[in-house]
């Protein structure tokens, strides 16, 4: 009876170690993907700021051109 109980405990411990290894590997992959996505977000935020600046520059140029057409 004691042997069966210890054998079950050993098997359960082994199963839990396997699950733990798999979860650790998955966690590592998720952390790497998170880092990649954070870099991508940073790049997109930078691009967004650049595009906004370009749009404002174009709008200003168009507005100035229209203004100059009316006063000349």
N, C-alpha and C. Protein backbone atom coordinates (compact mmCIF):
# COMPACT_ATOMS: atom_id res chain seq x y z
N UNK A 1 0.82 -1.19 0.00
CA UNK A 1 0.00 0.00 0.00
C UNK A 1 0.87 1.26 0.00
N UNK A 2 1.89 1.31 0.85
CA UNK A 2 2.78 2.46 0.93
C UNK A 2 3.55 2.60 -0.38
N UNK A 3 3.95 1.50 -0.97
CA UNK A 3 4.70 1.55 -2.23
C UNK A 3 3.85 2.13 -3.34
N UNK A 4 2.59 1.73 -3.42
CA UNK A 4 1.70 2.25 -4.46
C UNK A 4 1.52 3.76 -4.31
N UNK A 5 1.37 4.19 -3.09
CA UNK A 5 1.19 5.62 -2.83
C UNK A 5 2.43 6.40 -3.24
N UNK A 6 3.59 5.89 -2.92
CA UNK A 6 4.85 6.56 -3.29
C UNK A 6 5.05 6.53 -4.80
N UNK A 7 4.65 5.45 -5.43
CA UNK A 7 4.76 5.35 -6.88
C UNK A 7 3.85 6.38 -7.56
N UNK A 8 2.65 6.53 -7.02
CA UNK A 8 1.73 7.54 -7.56
C UNK A 8 2.32 8.95 -7.36
N UNK A 9 2.89 9.17 -6.19
CA UNK A 9 3.49 10.48 -5.92
C UNK A 9 4.66 10.75 -6.87
N UNK A 10 5.46 9.72 -7.12
CA UNK A 10 6.60 9.86 -8.03
C UNK A 10 6.12 10.17 -9.45
N UNK A 11 5.09 9.47 -9.90
CA UNK A 11 4.56 9.71 -11.23
C UNK A 11 3.96 11.12 -11.33
N UNK A 12 3.24 11.53 -10.31
CA UNK A 12 2.65 12.87 -10.30
C UNK A 12 3.73 13.94 -10.29
N UNK A 13 4.78 13.72 -9.50
CA UNK A 13 5.89 14.68 -9.46
C UNK A 13 6.54 14.77 -10.84
N UNK A 14 6.72 13.63 -11.48
CA UNK A 14 7.32 13.61 -12.82
C UNK A 14 6.43 14.34 -13.82
N UNK A 15 5.13 14.10 -13.74
CA UNK A 15 4.18 14.76 -14.63
C UNK A 15 4.20 16.28 -14.42
N UNK A 16 4.24 16.69 -13.16
CA UNK A 16 4.27 18.12 -12.86
C UNK A 16 5.57 18.77 -13.34
N UNK A 17 6.67 18.05 -13.24
CA UNK A 17 7.94 18.59 -13.76
C UNK A 17 7.87 18.79 -15.27
N UNK A 18 7.24 17.83 -15.96
CA UNK A 18 7.07 17.95 -17.41
C UNK A 18 6.20 19.14 -17.76
N UNK A 19 5.09 19.28 -17.05
CA UNK A 19 4.20 20.42 -17.27
C UNK A 19 4.94 21.72 -17.00
N UNK A 20 5.72 21.75 -15.92
CA UNK A 20 6.47 22.96 -15.57
C UNK A 20 7.47 23.32 -16.66
N UNK A 21 8.17 22.32 -17.23
CA UNK A 21 9.12 22.59 -18.31
C UNK A 21 8.41 23.17 -19.53
N UNK A 22 7.27 22.59 -19.86
CA UNK A 22 6.52 23.09 -21.01
C UNK A 22 6.03 24.52 -20.78
N UNK A 23 5.52 24.78 -19.59
CA UNK A 23 5.06 26.13 -19.27
C UNK A 23 6.20 27.13 -19.27
N UNK A 24 7.35 26.72 -18.79
CA UNK A 24 8.52 27.60 -18.79
C UNK A 24 8.93 27.94 -20.22
N UNK A 25 8.92 26.94 -21.09
CA UNK A 25 9.26 27.17 -22.50
C UNK A 25 8.24 28.10 -23.16
N UNK A 26 6.96 27.88 -22.89
CA UNK A 26 5.92 28.74 -23.45
C UNK A 26 6.06 30.16 -22.94
N UNK A 27 6.36 30.30 -21.66
CA UNK A 27 6.54 31.64 -21.07
C UNK A 27 7.70 32.37 -21.74
N UNK A 28 8.78 31.65 -22.00
CA UNK A 28 9.93 32.26 -22.67
C UNK A 28 9.54 32.76 -24.06
N UNK A 29 8.81 31.94 -24.80
CA UNK A 29 8.37 32.33 -26.14
C UNK A 29 7.45 33.55 -26.07
N UNK A 30 6.54 33.57 -25.10
CA UNK A 30 5.63 34.70 -24.96
C UNK A 30 6.36 35.98 -24.59
N UNK A 31 7.37 35.87 -23.75
CA UNK A 31 8.16 37.05 -23.37
C UNK A 31 8.93 37.58 -24.58
N UNK A 32 9.47 36.68 -25.40
CA UNK A 32 10.18 37.10 -26.61
C UNK A 32 9.22 37.78 -27.58
N UNK A 33 8.03 37.21 -27.74
CA UNK A 33 7.03 37.81 -28.63
C UNK A 33 6.60 39.17 -28.09
N UNK A 34 6.46 39.28 -26.79
CA UNK A 34 6.10 40.55 -26.17
C UNK A 34 7.16 41.60 -26.45
N UNK A 35 8.42 41.25 -26.32
CA UNK A 35 9.51 42.19 -26.62
C UNK A 35 9.45 42.63 -28.08
N UNK A 36 9.23 41.67 -28.98
CA UNK A 36 9.15 41.99 -30.41
C UNK A 36 7.99 42.96 -30.68
N UNK A 37 6.85 42.68 -30.07
CA UNK A 37 5.69 43.54 -30.28
C UNK A 37 5.89 44.93 -29.68
N UNK A 38 6.56 45.00 -28.53
CA UNK A 38 6.85 46.32 -27.93
C UNK A 38 7.74 47.15 -28.85
N UNK A 39 8.73 46.51 -29.47
CA UNK A 39 9.60 47.23 -30.42
C UNK A 39 8.80 47.69 -31.62
N UNK A 40 7.89 46.83 -32.09
CA UNK A 40 7.07 47.19 -33.24
C UNK A 40 6.16 48.37 -32.90
N UNK A 41 5.58 48.35 -31.72
CA UNK A 41 4.72 49.46 -31.28
C UNK A 41 5.52 50.75 -31.21
N UNK A 42 6.71 50.70 -30.64
CA UNK A 42 7.56 51.89 -30.55
C UNK A 42 7.85 52.46 -31.93
N UNK A 43 8.15 51.58 -32.86
CA UNK A 43 8.44 52.02 -34.22
C UNK A 43 7.20 52.65 -34.86
N UNK A 44 6.03 52.04 -34.65
CA UNK A 44 4.79 52.58 -35.22
C UNK A 44 4.43 53.93 -34.60
N UNK A 45 4.68 54.09 -33.31
CA UNK A 45 4.42 55.37 -32.65
C UNK A 45 5.34 56.44 -33.25
N UNK A 46 6.59 56.09 -33.48
CA UNK A 46 7.54 57.03 -34.11
C UNK A 46 7.06 57.40 -35.52
N UNK A 47 6.68 56.39 -36.31
CA UNK A 47 6.20 56.65 -37.66
C UNK A 47 4.94 57.52 -37.64
N UNK A 48 4.06 57.26 -36.70
CA UNK A 48 2.83 58.04 -36.58
C UNK A 48 3.16 59.52 -36.32
N UNK A 49 4.09 59.76 -35.41
CA UNK A 49 4.50 61.14 -35.13
C UNK A 49 5.10 61.80 -36.35
N UNK A 50 5.92 61.06 -37.08
CA UNK A 50 6.54 61.60 -38.29
C UNK A 50 5.48 61.95 -39.33
N UNK A 51 4.51 61.04 -39.53
CA UNK A 51 3.46 61.28 -40.52
C UNK A 51 2.60 62.48 -40.12
N UNK A 52 2.30 62.62 -38.84
CA UNK A 52 1.53 63.78 -38.39
C UNK A 52 2.28 65.07 -38.70
N UNK A 53 3.58 65.05 -38.46
CA UNK A 53 4.40 66.23 -38.74
C UNK A 53 4.38 66.54 -40.24
N UNK A 54 4.48 65.51 -41.07
CA UNK A 54 4.45 65.71 -42.52
C UNK A 54 3.10 66.28 -42.96
N UNK A 55 2.02 65.76 -42.39
CA UNK A 55 0.69 66.25 -42.75
C UNK A 55 0.54 67.72 -42.36
N UNK A 56 0.99 68.07 -41.18
CA UNK A 56 0.91 69.47 -40.74
C UNK A 56 1.73 70.37 -41.66
N UNK A 57 2.89 69.89 -42.07
CA UNK A 57 3.74 70.67 -42.97
C UNK A 57 3.04 70.89 -44.31
N UNK A 58 2.43 69.84 -44.85
CA UNK A 58 1.73 69.94 -46.13
C UNK A 58 0.54 70.88 -46.01
N UNK A 59 -0.24 70.74 -44.94
CA UNK A 59 -1.40 71.60 -44.73
C UNK A 59 -0.97 73.06 -44.63
N UNK A 60 0.11 73.31 -43.90
CA UNK A 60 0.62 74.67 -43.78
C UNK A 60 1.04 75.21 -45.14
N UNK A 61 1.74 74.39 -45.91
CA UNK A 61 2.20 74.83 -47.23
C UNK A 61 1.03 75.14 -48.15
N UNK A 62 0.01 74.29 -48.12
CA UNK A 62 -1.18 74.53 -48.95
C UNK A 62 -1.89 75.80 -48.49
N UNK A 63 -2.04 75.95 -47.19
CA UNK A 63 -2.71 77.14 -46.66
C UNK A 63 -1.95 78.40 -47.05
N UNK A 64 -0.64 78.36 -46.96
CA UNK A 64 0.18 79.51 -47.33
C UNK A 64 0.04 79.80 -48.81
N UNK A 65 0.03 78.78 -49.63
CA UNK A 65 -0.11 78.96 -51.08
C UNK A 65 -1.45 79.59 -51.42
N UNK A 66 -2.52 79.10 -50.80
CA UNK A 66 -3.85 79.64 -51.04
C UNK A 66 -3.90 81.09 -50.58
N UNK A 67 -3.34 81.38 -49.43
CA UNK A 67 -3.31 82.75 -48.91
C UNK A 67 -2.58 83.68 -49.88
N UNK A 68 -1.44 83.23 -50.38
CA UNK A 68 -0.66 84.05 -51.29
C UNK A 68 -1.39 84.26 -52.61
N UNK A 69 -2.13 83.28 -53.08
CA UNK A 69 -2.90 83.43 -54.31
C UNK A 69 -3.98 84.52 -54.15
N UNK A 70 -4.58 84.58 -52.98
CA UNK A 70 -5.63 85.56 -52.75
C UNK A 70 -5.11 86.97 -52.58
N UNK A 71 -3.91 87.13 -52.05
CA UNK A 71 -3.41 88.49 -51.81
C UNK A 71 -2.64 89.04 -53.01
N UNK A 72 -2.29 88.16 -53.96
CA UNK A 72 -1.52 88.63 -55.11
C UNK A 72 -2.38 88.94 -56.29
